[in-house]
Amino acid sequence: MKELFELFYRQLWTPKHCDKIIATLSDDKIHGVIASIMTIIQQNSNRPIDSKFSFVANNTLSGGVFPCYEERCRTKHIDTLARNAILYADVVYIQNPFDKYLHISFF
């Protein structure tokens, strides 16, 4: 997913400033970013994986809004996933957080 991080870097998005930048974007620009992200995810998900040790994360470990929606809580779940996955898995699959934004026209 190096391409995804390069996209964020080109957009000058950093974790510290990401929410402020997104708040200033037009709906068209947000849709363009989401389309770019989806393209990168789809291109990378079609690559063959040669591993017997894969882990599929549920919604909570993927950073979903259940059981908590606060950023700190969601980040904690992702951190838990990363710490466990680095020990036990070669490949980690998370739920795509951008799917739900494909059909939204107004942000």
PDB file of N, CA and C in Angstrom:
ATOM      1  N   MET A   1       0.808  -1.195   0.000  1.00  0.00           N
ATOM      2  CA  MET A   1       0.000   0.000   0.000  1.00  0.00           C
ATOM      3  C   MET A   1       0.853   1.260   0.000  1.00  0.00           C
ATOM      4  N   LYS A   2       2.057   1.117  -0.460  1.00  0.00           N
ATOM      5  CA  LYS A   2       2.938   2.271  -0.549  1.00  0.00           C
ATOM      6  C   LYS A   2       2.285   3.389  -1.370  1.00  0.00           C
ATOM      7  N   GLU A   3       1.541   3.010  -2.402  1.00  0.00           N
ATOM      8  CA  GLU A   3       0.884   3.996  -3.262  1.00  0.00           C
ATOM      9  C   GLU A   3      -0.117   4.853  -2.490  1.00  0.00           C
ATOM     10  N   LEU A   4      -0.790   4.252  -1.525  1.00  0.00           N
ATOM     11  CA  LEU A   4      -1.775   4.994  -0.736  1.00  0.00           C
ATOM     12  C   LEU A   4      -1.092   6.068   0.104  1.00  0.00           C
ATOM     13  N   PHE A   5       0.015   5.722   0.735  1.00  0.00           N
ATOM     14  CA  PHE A   5       0.740   6.702   1.536  1.00  0.00           C
ATOM     15  C   PHE A   5       1.366   7.785   0.655  1.00  0.00           C
ATOM     16  N   GLU A   6       1.771   7.417  -0.566  1.00  0.00           N
ATOM     17  CA  GLU A   6       2.295   8.418  -1.490  1.00  0.00           C
ATOM     18  C   GLU A   6       1.203   9.400  -1.900  1.00  0.00           C
ATOM     19  N   LEU A   7      -0.031   8.907  -2.068  1.00  0.00           N
ATOM     20  CA  LEU A   7      -1.161   9.793  -2.373  1.00  0.00           C
ATOM     21  C   LEU A   7      -1.370  10.790  -1.244  1.00  0.00           C
ATOM     22  N   PHE A   8      -1.373  10.312  -0.025  1.00  0.00           N
ATOM     23  CA  PHE A   8      -1.540  11.207   1.124  1.00  0.00           C
ATOM     24  C   PHE A   8      -0.400  12.222   1.194  1.00  0.00           C
ATOM     25  N   TYR A   9       0.812  11.762   0.911  1.00  0.00           N
ATOM     26  CA  TYR A   9       1.964  12.651   0.953  1.00  0.00           C
ATOM     27  C   TYR A   9       1.839  13.741  -0.110  1.00  0.00           C
ATOM     28  N   ARG A  10       1.419  13.355  -1.336  1.00  0.00           N
ATOM     29  CA  ARG A  10       1.242  14.338  -2.408  1.00  0.00           C
ATOM     30  C   ARG A  10       0.171  15.361  -2.048  1.00  0.00           C
ATOM     31  N   GLN A  11      -0.845  14.934  -1.301  1.00  0.00           N
ATOM     32  CA  GLN A  11      -1.923  15.830  -0.886  1.00  0.00           C
ATOM     33  C   GLN A  11      -1.517  16.661   0.331  1.00  0.00           C
ATOM     34  N   LEU A  12      -0.314  16.395   0.858  1.00  0.00           N
ATOM     35  CA  LEU A  12       0.206  17.062   2.058  1.00  0.00           C
ATOM     36  C   LEU A  12      -0.623  16.737   3.292  1.00  0.00           C
ATOM     37  N   TRP A  13      -1.193  15.538   3.314  1.00  0.00           N
ATOM     38  CA  TRP A  13      -1.990  15.108   4.459  1.00  0.00           C
ATOM     39  C   TRP A  13      -1.087  14.437   5.478  1.00  0.00           C
ATOM     40  N   THR A  14      -1.129  14.923   6.671  1.00  0.00           N
ATOM     41  CA  THR A  14      -0.416  14.297   7.781  1.00  0.00           C
ATOM     42  C   THR A  14      -1.454  13.947   8.841  1.00  0.00           C
ATOM     43  N   PRO A  15      -1.200  12.957   9.660  1.00  0.00           N
ATOM     44  CA  PRO A  15      -2.181  12.608  10.696  1.00  0.00           C
ATOM     45  C   PRO A  15      -2.557  13.800  11.576  1.00  0.00           C
ATOM     46  N   LYS A  16      -1.614  14.676  11.811  1.00  0.00           N
ATOM     47  CA  LYS A  16      -1.875  15.813  12.691  1.00  0.00           C
ATOM     48  C   LYS A  16      -2.825  16.837  12.059  1.00  0.00           C
ATOM     49  N   HIS A  17      -2.759  16.993  10.735  1.00  0.00           N
ATOM     50  CA  HIS A  17      -3.539  18.028  10.061  1.00  0.00           C
ATOM     51  C   HIS A  17      -4.633  17.485   9.148  1.00  0.00           C
ATOM     52  N   CYS A  18      -4.787  16.196   9.072  1.00  0.00           N
ATOM     53  CA  CYS A  18      -5.700  15.574   8.115  1.00  0.00           C
ATOM     54  C   CYS A  18      -7.135  16.061   8.277  1.00  0.00           C
ATOM     55  N   ASP A  19      -7.650  16.093   9.500  1.00  0.00           N
ATOM     56  CA  ASP A  19      -9.038  16.486   9.697  1.00  0.00           C
ATOM     57  C   ASP A  19      -9.278  17.936   9.290  1.00  0.00           C
ATOM     58  N   LYS A  20      -8.324  18.814   9.518  1.00  0.00           N
ATOM     59  CA  LYS A  20      -8.471  20.220   9.130  1.00  0.00           C
ATOM     60  C   LYS A  20      -8.455  20.373   7.610  1.00  0.00           C
ATOM     61  N   ILE A  21      -7.599  19.617   6.949  1.00  0.00           N
ATOM     62  CA  ILE A  21      -7.518  19.688   5.489  1.00  0.00           C
ATOM     63  C   ILE A  21      -8.805  19.172   4.857  1.00  0.00           C
ATOM     64  N   ILE A  22      -9.295  18.041   5.334  1.00  0.00           N
ATOM     65  CA  ILE A  22     -10.523  17.467   4.772  1.00  0.00           C
ATOM     66  C   ILE A  22     -11.695  18.416   4.960  1.00  0.00           C
ATOM     67  N   ALA A  23     -11.748  19.108   6.082  1.00  0.00           N
ATOM     68  CA  ALA A  23     -12.851  20.035   6.354  1.00  0.00           C
ATOM     69  C   ALA A  23     -12.891  21.194   5.362  1.00  0.00           C
ATOM     70  N   THR A  24     -11.766  21.503   4.708  1.00  0.00           N
ATOM     71  CA  THR A  24     -11.737  22.617   3.769  1.00  0.00           C
ATOM     72  C   THR A  24     -11.963  22.190   2.323  1.00  0.00           C
ATOM     73  N   LEU A  25     -12.015  20.890   2.065  1.00  0.00           N
ATOM     74  CA  LEU A  25     -12.163  20.407   0.693  1.00  0.00           C
ATOM     75  C   LEU A  25     -13.602  20.499   0.214  1.00  0.00           C
ATOM     76  N   SER A  26     -13.753  20.733  -1.085  1.00  0.00           N
ATOM     77  CA  SER A  26     -15.084  20.707  -1.694  1.00  0.00           C
ATOM     78  C   SER A  26     -15.541  19.257  -1.831  1.00  0.00           C
ATOM     79  N   ASP A  27     -16.844  19.065  -2.025  1.00  0.00           N
ATOM     80  CA  ASP A  27     -17.376  17.711  -2.203  1.00  0.00           C
ATOM     81  C   ASP A  27     -16.741  17.014  -3.407  1.00  0.00           C
ATOM     82  N   ASP A  28     -16.540  17.750  -4.491  1.00  0.00           N
ATOM     83  CA  ASP A  28     -15.913  17.163  -5.681  1.00  0.00           C
ATOM     84  C   ASP A  28     -14.491  16.687  -5.394  1.00  0.00           C
ATOM     85  N   LYS A  29     -13.742  17.467  -4.642  1.00  0.00           N
ATOM     86  CA  LYS A  29     -12.369  17.093  -4.298  1.00  0.00           C
ATOM     87  C   LYS A  29     -12.358  15.857  -3.394  1.00  0.00           C
ATOM     88  N   ILE A  30     -13.286  15.805  -2.446  1.00  0.00           N
ATOM     89  CA  ILE A  30     -13.382  14.631  -1.564  1.00  0.00           C
ATOM     90  C   ILE A  30     -13.718  13.387  -2.375  1.00  0.00           C
ATOM     91  N   HIS A  31     -14.666  13.511  -3.308  1.00  0.00           N
ATOM     92  CA  HIS A  31     -15.007  12.368  -4.167  1.00  0.00           C
ATOM     93  C   HIS A  31     -13.804  11.931  -4.998  1.00  0.00           C
ATOM     94  N   GLY A  32     -13.020  12.890  -5.490  1.00  0.00           N
ATOM     95  CA  GLY A  32     -11.822  12.561  -6.255  1.00  0.00           C
ATOM     96  C   GLY A  32     -10.798  11.804  -5.426  1.00  0.00           C
ATOM     97  N   VAL A  33     -10.607  12.225  -4.187  1.00  0.00           N
ATOM     98  CA  VAL A  33      -9.668  11.544  -3.293  1.00  0.00           C
ATOM     99  C   VAL A  33     -10.156  10.132  -2.994  1.00  0.00           C
ATOM    100  N   ILE A  34     -11.450   9.990  -2.711  1.00  0.00           N
ATOM    101  CA  ILE A  34     -12.017   8.669  -2.428  1.00  0.00           C
ATOM    102  C   ILE A  34     -11.874   7.754  -3.647  1.00  0.00           C
ATOM    103  N   ALA A  35     -12.124   8.286  -4.837  1.00  0.00           N
ATOM    104  CA  ALA A  35     -11.970   7.482  -6.058  1.00  0.00           C
ATOM    105  C   ALA A  35     -10.516   7.041  -6.234  1.00  0.00           C
ATOM    106  N   SER A  36      -9.577   7.921  -5.953  1.00  0.00           N
ATOM    107  CA  SER A  36      -8.157   7.567  -6.048  1.00  0.00           C
ATOM    108  C   SER A  36      -7.801   6.483  -5.043  1.00  0.00           C
ATOM    109  N   ILE A  37      -8.290   6.622  -3.828  1.00  0.00           N
ATOM    110  CA  ILE A  37      -8.021   5.632  -2.784  1.00  0.00           C
ATOM    111  C   ILE A  37      -8.602   4.275  -3.174  1.00  0.00           C
ATOM    112  N   MET A  38      -9.826   4.273  -3.676  1.00  0.00           N
ATOM    113  CA  MET A  38     -10.468   3.012  -4.066  1.00  0.00           C
ATOM    114  C   MET A  38      -9.695   2.333  -5.202  1.00  0.00           C
ATOM    115  N   THR A  39      -9.200   3.111  -6.159  1.00  0.00           N
ATOM    116  CA  THR A  39      -8.417   2.549  -7.253  1.00  0.00           C
ATOM    117  C   THR A  39      -7.153   1.891  -6.719  1.00  0.00           C
ATOM    118  N   ILE A  40      -6.466   2.574  -5.822  1.00  0.00           N
ATOM    119  CA  ILE A  40      -5.238   2.015  -5.239  1.00  0.00           C
ATOM    120  C   ILE A  40      -5.546   0.731  -4.469  1.00  0.00           C
ATOM    121  N   ILE A  41      -6.606   0.745  -3.675  1.00  0.00           N
ATOM    122  CA  ILE A  41      -6.976  -0.445  -2.895  1.00  0.00           C
ATOM    123  C   ILE A  41      -7.317  -1.608  -3.818  1.00  0.00           C
ATOM    124  N   GLN A  42      -8.094  -1.364  -4.871  1.00  0.00           N
ATOM    125  CA  GLN A  42      -8.477  -2.430  -5.790  1.00  0.00           C
ATOM    126  C   GLN A  42      -7.271  -2.993  -6.535  1.00  0.00           C
ATOM    127  N   GLN A  43      -6.338  -2.138  -6.937  1.00  0.00           N
ATOM    128  CA  GLN A  43      -5.139  -2.614  -7.630  1.00  0.00           C
ATOM    129  C   GLN A  43      -4.297  -3.492  -6.715  1.00  0.00           C
ATOM    130  N   ASN A  44      -4.201  -3.121  -5.465  1.00  0.00           N
ATOM    131  CA  ASN A  44      -3.384  -3.880  -4.523  1.00  0.00           C
ATOM    132  C   ASN A  44      -4.074  -5.142  -4.023  1.00  0.00           C
ATOM    133  N   SER A  45      -5.387  -5.165  -4.022  1.00  0.00           N
ATOM    134  CA  SER A  45      -6.091  -6.351  -3.527  1.00  0.00           C
ATOM    135  C   SER A  45      -6.087  -7.487  -4.538  1.00  0.00           C
ATOM    136  N   ASN A  46      -5.720  -7.202  -5.768  1.00  0.00           N
ATOM    137  CA  ASN A  46      -5.679  -8.241  -6.805  1.00  0.00           C
ATOM    138  C   ASN A  46      -4.324  -8.934  -6.891  1.00  0.00           C
ATOM    139  N   ARG A  47      -3.378  -8.519  -6.091  1.00  0.00           N
ATOM    140  CA  ARG A  47      -2.055  -9.147  -6.107  1.00  0.00           C
ATOM    141  C   ARG A  47      -2.112 -10.513  -5.424  1.00  0.00           C
ATOM    142  N   PRO A  48      -1.456 -11.498  -6.021  1.00  0.00           N
ATOM    143  CA  PRO A  48      -1.447 -12.822  -5.377  1.00  0.00           C
ATOM    144  C   PRO A  48      -0.602 -12.797  -4.100  1.00  0.00           C
ATOM    145  N   ILE A  49      -1.090 -13.461  -3.076  1.00  0.00           N
ATOM    146  CA  ILE A  49      -0.406 -13.537  -1.792  1.00  0.00           C
ATOM    147  C   ILE A  49       0.065 -14.970  -1.577  1.00  0.00           C
ATOM    148  N   ASP A  50       1.339 -15.130  -1.306  1.00  0.00           N
ATOM    149  CA  ASP A  50       1.894 -16.456  -1.064  1.00  0.00           C
ATOM    150  C   ASP A  50       2.208 -16.583   0.423  1.00  0.00           C
ATOM    151  N   SER A  51       1.167 -16.796   1.222  1.00  0.00           N
ATOM    152  CA  SER A  51       1.365 -16.910   2.665  1.00  0.00           C
ATOM    153  C   SER A  51       0.280 -17.796   3.258  1.00  0.00           C
ATOM    154  N   LYS A  52       0.678 -18.572   4.239  1.00  0.00           N
ATOM    155  CA  LYS A  52      -0.285 -19.405   4.959  1.00  0.00           C
ATOM    156  C   LYS A  52      -0.729 -18.737   6.246  1.00  0.00           C
ATOM    157  N   PHE A  53      -0.160 -17.564   6.545  1.00  0.00           N
ATOM    158  CA  PHE A  53      -0.439 -16.888   7.801  1.00  0.00           C
ATOM    159  C   PHE A  53      -1.086 -15.533   7.520  1.00  0.00           C
ATOM    160  N   SER A  54      -2.402 -15.557   7.334  1.00  0.00           N
ATOM    161  CA  SER A  54      -3.125 -14.314   7.097  1.00  0.00           C
ATOM    162  C   SER A  54      -4.144 -14.105   8.209  1.00  0.00           C
ATOM    163  N   PHE A  55      -4.502 -12.861   8.412  1.00  0.00           N
ATOM    164  CA  PHE A  55      -5.442 -12.493   9.463  1.00  0.00           C
ATOM    165  C   PHE A  55      -6.468 -11.553   8.866  1.00  0.00           C
ATOM    166  N   VAL A  56      -7.740 -11.835   9.107  1.00  0.00           N
ATOM    167  CA  VAL A  56      -8.828 -10.987   8.639  1.00  0.00           C
ATOM    168  C   VAL A  56      -9.418 -10.282   9.847  1.00  0.00           C
ATOM    169  N   ALA A  57      -9.290  -8.956   9.866  1.00  0.00           N
ATOM    170  CA  ALA A  57      -9.757  -8.169  11.007  1.00  0.00           C
ATOM    171  C   ALA A  57     -11.249  -7.890  10.903  1.00  0.00           C
ATOM    172  N   ASN A  58     -11.906  -7.912  12.046  1.00  0.00           N
ATOM    173  CA  ASN A  58     -13.324  -7.539  12.076  1.00  0.00           C
ATOM    174  C   ASN A  58     -13.449  -6.021  12.018  1.00  0.00           C
ATOM    175  N   ASN A  59     -14.675  -5.520  12.046  1.00  0.00           N
ATOM    176  CA  ASN A  59     -14.937  -4.086  11.946  1.00  0.00           C
ATOM    177  C   ASN A  59     -14.260  -3.302  13.066  1.00  0.00           C
ATOM    178  N   THR A  60     -14.307  -3.808  14.277  1.00  0.00           N
ATOM    179  CA  THR A  60     -13.709  -3.108  15.413  1.00  0.00           C
ATOM    180  C   THR A  60     -12.205  -2.964  15.236  1.00  0.00           C
ATOM    181  N   LEU A  61     -11.519  -4.059  14.916  1.00  0.00           N
ATOM    182  CA  LEU A  61     -10.070  -4.000  14.740  1.00  0.00           C
ATOM    183  C   LEU A  61      -9.662  -3.262  13.470  1.00  0.00           C
ATOM    184  N   SER A  62     -10.585  -3.099  12.539  1.00  0.00           N
ATOM    185  CA  SER A  62     -10.309  -2.338  11.322  1.00  0.00           C
ATOM    186  C   SER A  62     -10.463  -0.833  11.541  1.00  0.00           C
ATOM    187  N   GLY A  63     -10.828  -0.436  12.755  1.00  0.00           N
ATOM    188  CA  GLY A  63     -10.993   0.990  13.056  1.00  0.00           C
ATOM    189  C   GLY A  63     -12.395   1.492  12.845  1.00  0.00           C
ATOM    190  N   GLY A  64     -13.362   0.563  12.795  1.00  0.00           N
ATOM    191  CA  GLY A  64     -14.754   0.951  12.605  1.00  0.00           C
ATOM    192  C   GLY A  64     -15.325   1.698  13.797  1.00  0.00           C
ATOM    193  N   VAL A  65     -16.527   2.230  13.618  1.00  0.00           N
ATOM    194  CA  VAL A  65     -17.129   3.086  14.642  1.00  0.00           C
ATOM    195  C   VAL A  65     -17.802   2.314  15.773  1.00  0.00           C
ATOM    196  N   PHE A  66     -17.893   1.004  15.682  1.00  0.00           N
ATOM    197  CA  PHE A  66     -18.495   0.223  16.761  1.00  0.00           C
ATOM    198  C   PHE A  66     -17.386  -0.506  17.500  1.00  0.00           C
ATOM    199  N   PRO A  67     -17.312  -0.507  18.757  1.00  0.00           N
ATOM    200  CA  PRO A  67     -18.238  -0.040  19.782  1.00  0.00           C
ATOM    201  C   PRO A  67     -18.014   1.410  20.196  1.00  0.00           C
ATOM    202  N   CYS A  68     -17.032   2.082  19.590  1.00  0.00           N
ATOM    203  CA  CYS A  68     -16.787   3.474  19.948  1.00  0.00           C
ATOM    204  C   CYS A  68     -16.484   4.263  18.686  1.00  0.00           C
ATOM    205  N   TYR A  69     -16.830   5.518  18.694  1.00  0.00           N
ATOM    206  CA  TYR A  69     -16.585   6.328  17.505  1.00  0.00           C
ATOM    207  C   TYR A  69     -15.515   7.395  17.709  1.00  0.00           C
ATOM    208  N   GLU A  70     -15.051   7.571  18.926  1.00  0.00           N
ATOM    209  CA  GLU A  70     -14.018   8.571  19.185  1.00  0.00           C
ATOM    210  C   GLU A  70     -12.699   8.149  18.563  1.00  0.00           C
ATOM    211  N   GLU A  71     -11.968   9.124  18.047  1.00  0.00           N
ATOM    212  CA  GLU A  71     -10.715   8.835  17.357  1.00  0.00           C
ATOM    213  C   GLU A  71      -9.733   8.070  18.239  1.00  0.00           C
ATOM    214  N   ARG A  72      -9.615   8.455  19.491  1.00  0.00           N
ATOM    215  CA  ARG A  72      -8.660   7.800  20.398  1.00  0.00           C
ATOM    216  C   ARG A  72      -9.004   6.324  20.581  1.00  0.00           C
ATOM    217  N   CYS A  73     -10.264   6.019  20.735  1.00  0.00           N
ATOM    218  CA  CYS A  73     -10.694   4.635  20.923  1.00  0.00           C
ATOM    219  C   CYS A  73     -10.467   3.813  19.646  1.00  0.00           C
ATOM    220  N   ARG A  74     -10.814   4.385  18.493  1.00  0.00           N
ATOM    221  CA  ARG A  74     -10.643   3.680  17.223  1.00  0.00           C
ATOM    222  C   ARG A  74      -9.164   3.434  16.934  1.00  0.00           C
ATOM    223  N   THR A  75      -8.331   4.424  17.242  1.00  0.00           N
ATOM    224  CA  THR A  75      -6.897   4.278  17.048  1.00  0.00           C
ATOM    225  C   THR A  75      -6.337   3.193  17.952  1.00  0.00           C
ATOM    226  N   LYS A  76      -6.877   3.081  19.153  1.00  0.00           N
ATOM    227  CA  LYS A  76      -6.439   2.038  20.082  1.00  0.00           C
ATOM    228  C   LYS A  76      -6.710   0.649  19.494  1.00  0.00           C
ATOM    229  N   HIS A  77      -7.872   0.474  18.864  1.00  0.00           N
ATOM    230  CA  HIS A  77      -8.202  -0.817  18.251  1.00  0.00           C
ATOM    231  C   HIS A  77      -7.258  -1.131  17.086  1.00  0.00           C
ATOM    232  N   ILE A  78      -6.941  -0.132  16.284  1.00  0.00           N
ATOM    233  CA  ILE A  78      -6.018  -0.345  15.168  1.00  0.00           C
ATOM    234  C   ILE A  78      -4.632  -0.691  15.701  1.00  0.00           C
ATOM    235  N   ASP A  79      -4.232  -0.029  16.776  1.00  0.00           N
ATOM    236  CA  ASP A  79      -2.940  -0.332  17.401  1.00  0.00           C
ATOM    237  C   ASP A  79      -2.905  -1.777  17.896  1.00  0.00           C
ATOM    238  N   THR A  80      -3.998  -2.230  18.480  1.00  0.00           N
ATOM    239  CA  THR A  80      -4.096  -3.621  18.940  1.00  0.00           C
ATOM    240  C   THR A  80      -3.942  -4.572  17.755  1.00  0.00           C
ATOM    241  N   LEU A  81      -4.608  -4.270  16.673  1.00  0.00           N
ATOM    242  CA  LEU A  81      -4.492  -5.092  15.469  1.00  0.00           C
ATOM    243  C   LEU A  81      -3.047  -5.142  14.993  1.00  0.00           C
ATOM    244  N   ALA A  82      -2.405  -3.990  14.916  1.00  0.00           N
ATOM    245  CA  ALA A  82      -1.031  -3.942  14.417  1.00  0.00           C
ATOM    246  C   ALA A  82      -0.089  -4.739  15.311  1.00  0.00           C
ATOM    247  N   ARG A  83      -0.236  -4.612  16.610  1.00  0.00           N
ATOM    248  CA  ARG A  83       0.660  -5.321  17.531  1.00  0.00           C
ATOM    249  C   ARG A  83       0.485  -6.841  17.433  1.00  0.00           C
ATOM    250  N   ASN A  84      -0.748  -7.300  17.287  1.00  0.00           N
ATOM    251  CA  ASN A  84      -0.983  -8.743  17.166  1.00  0.00           C
ATOM    252  C   ASN A  84      -0.594  -9.258  15.787  1.00  0.00           C
ATOM    253  N   ALA A  85      -0.901  -8.490  14.768  1.00  0.00           N
ATOM    254  CA  ALA A  85      -0.634  -8.941  13.410  1.00  0.00           C
ATOM    255  C   ALA A  85       0.865  -9.058  13.143  1.00  0.00           C
ATOM    256  N   ILE A  86       1.644  -8.153  13.685  1.00  0.00           N
ATOM    257  CA  ILE A  86       3.082  -8.204  13.447  1.00  0.00           C
ATOM    258  C   ILE A  86       3.707  -9.464  14.045  1.00  0.00           C
ATOM    259  N   LEU A  87       3.065  -9.995  15.076  1.00  0.00           N
ATOM    260  CA  LEU A  87       3.578 -11.206  15.706  1.00  0.00           C
ATOM    261  C   LEU A  87       3.120 -12.489  15.014  1.00  0.00           C
ATOM    262  N   TYR A  88       1.908 -12.488  14.483  1.00  0.00           N
ATOM    263  CA  TYR A  88       1.303 -13.750  14.053  1.00  0.00           C
ATOM    264  C   TYR A  88       0.940 -13.852  12.583  1.00  0.00           C
ATOM    265  N   ALA A  89       0.998 -12.778  11.821  1.00  0.00           N
ATOM    266  CA  ALA A  89       0.507 -12.853  10.440  1.00  0.00           C
ATOM    267  C   ALA A  89       1.498 -12.243   9.450  1.00  0.00           C
ATOM    268  N   ASP A  90       1.517 -12.820   8.259  1.00  0.00           N
ATOM    269  CA  ASP A  90       2.284 -12.244   7.158  1.00  0.00           C
ATOM    270  C   ASP A  90       1.440 -11.240   6.380  1.00  0.00           C
ATOM    271  N   VAL A  91       0.136 -11.490   6.334  1.00  0.00           N
ATOM    272  CA  VAL A  91      -0.802 -10.656   5.587  1.00  0.00           C
ATOM    273  C   VAL A  91      -1.972 -10.325   6.497  1.00  0.00           C
ATOM    274  N   VAL A  92      -2.386  -9.065   6.487  1.00  0.00           N
ATOM    275  CA  VAL A  92      -3.523  -8.628   7.299  1.00  0.00           C
ATOM    276  C   VAL A  92      -4.535  -7.970   6.377  1.00  0.00           C
ATOM    277  N   TYR A  93      -5.769  -8.400   6.478  1.00  0.00           N
ATOM    278  CA  TYR A  93      -6.860  -7.811   5.711  1.00  0.00           C
ATOM    279  C   TYR A  93      -7.743  -7.020   6.665  1.00  0.00           C
ATOM    280  N   ILE A  94      -8.004  -5.768   6.321  1.00  0.00           N
ATOM    281  CA  ILE A  94      -8.941  -4.969   7.116  1.00  0.00           C
ATOM    282  C   ILE A  94     -10.121  -4.604   6.240  1.00  0.00           C
ATOM    283  N   GLN A  95     -11.211  -4.231   6.875  1.00  0.00           N
ATOM    284  CA  GLN A  95     -12.380  -3.802   6.120  1.00  0.00           C
ATOM    285  C   GLN A  95     -12.100  -2.435   5.520  1.00  0.00           C
ATOM    286  N   ASN A  96     -12.524  -2.250   4.286  1.00  0.00           N
ATOM    287  CA  ASN A  96     -12.281  -1.003   3.578  1.00  0.00           C
ATOM    288  C   ASN A  96     -13.138   0.106   4.190  1.00  0.00           C
ATOM    289  N   PRO A  97     -12.511   1.103   4.806  1.00  0.00           N
ATOM    290  CA  PRO A  97     -13.286   2.161   5.449  1.00  0.00           C
ATOM    291  C   PRO A  97     -13.885   3.162   4.468  1.00  0.00           C
ATOM    292  N   PHE A  98     -13.513   3.085   3.193  1.00  0.00           N
ATOM    293  CA  PHE A  98     -13.976   4.069   2.226  1.00  0.00           C
ATOM    294  C   PHE A  98     -15.216   3.621   1.454  1.00  0.00           C
ATOM    295  N   ASP A  99     -15.588   2.348   1.545  1.00  0.00           N
ATOM    296  CA  ASP A  99     -16.771   1.841   0.843  1.00  0.00           C
ATOM    297  C   ASP A  99     -18.023   2.646   1.167  1.00  0.00           C
ATOM    298  N   LYS A 100     -18.183   3.001   2.413  1.00  0.00           N
ATOM    299  CA  LYS A 100     -19.421   3.663   2.835  1.00  0.00           C
ATOM    300  C   LYS A 100     -19.552   5.091   2.300  1.00  0.00           C
ATOM    301  N   TYR A 101     -18.462   5.662   1.792  1.00  0.00           N
ATOM    302  CA  TYR A 101     -18.509   7.037   1.282  1.00  0.00           C
ATOM    303  C   TYR A 101     -18.756   7.129  -0.214  1.00  0.00           C
ATOM    304  N   LEU A 102     -18.806   5.997  -0.907  1.00  0.00           N
ATOM    305  CA  LEU A 102     -18.964   6.005  -2.343  1.00  0.00           C
ATOM    306  C   LEU A 102     -20.310   6.569  -2.793  1.00  0.00           C
ATOM    307  N   HIS A 103     -21.335   6.403  -1.997  1.00  0.00           N
ATOM    308  CA  HIS A 103     -22.679   6.796  -2.410  1.00  0.00           C
ATOM    309  C   HIS A 103     -23.149   8.085  -1.749  1.00  0.00           C
ATOM    310  N   ILE A 104     -22.269   8.764  -1.052  1.00  0.00           N
ATOM    311  CA  ILE A 104     -22.620  10.039  -0.407  1.00  0.00           C
ATOM    312  C   ILE A 104     -22.323  11.161  -1.382  1.00  0.00           C
ATOM    313  N   SER A 105     -23.265  12.069  -1.556  1.00  0.00           N
ATOM    314  CA  SER A 105     -23.052  13.163  -2.501  1.00  0.00           C
ATOM    315  C   SER A 105     -22.701  14.476  -1.800  1.00  0.00           C
ATOM    316  N   PHE A 106     -23.053  14.580  -0.518  1.00  0.00           N
ATOM    317  CA  PHE A 106     -22.795  15.827   0.227  1.00  0.00           C
ATOM    318  C   PHE A 106     -22.091  15.488   1.527  1.00  0.00           C
ATOM    319  N   PHE A 107     -20.951  16.071   1.759  1.00  0.00           N
ATOM    320  CA  PHE A 107     -20.186  15.775   2.966  1.00  0.00           C
ATOM    321  C   PHE A 107     -20.366  16.867   3.990  1.00  0.00           C
TER     322      PHE A 107
END
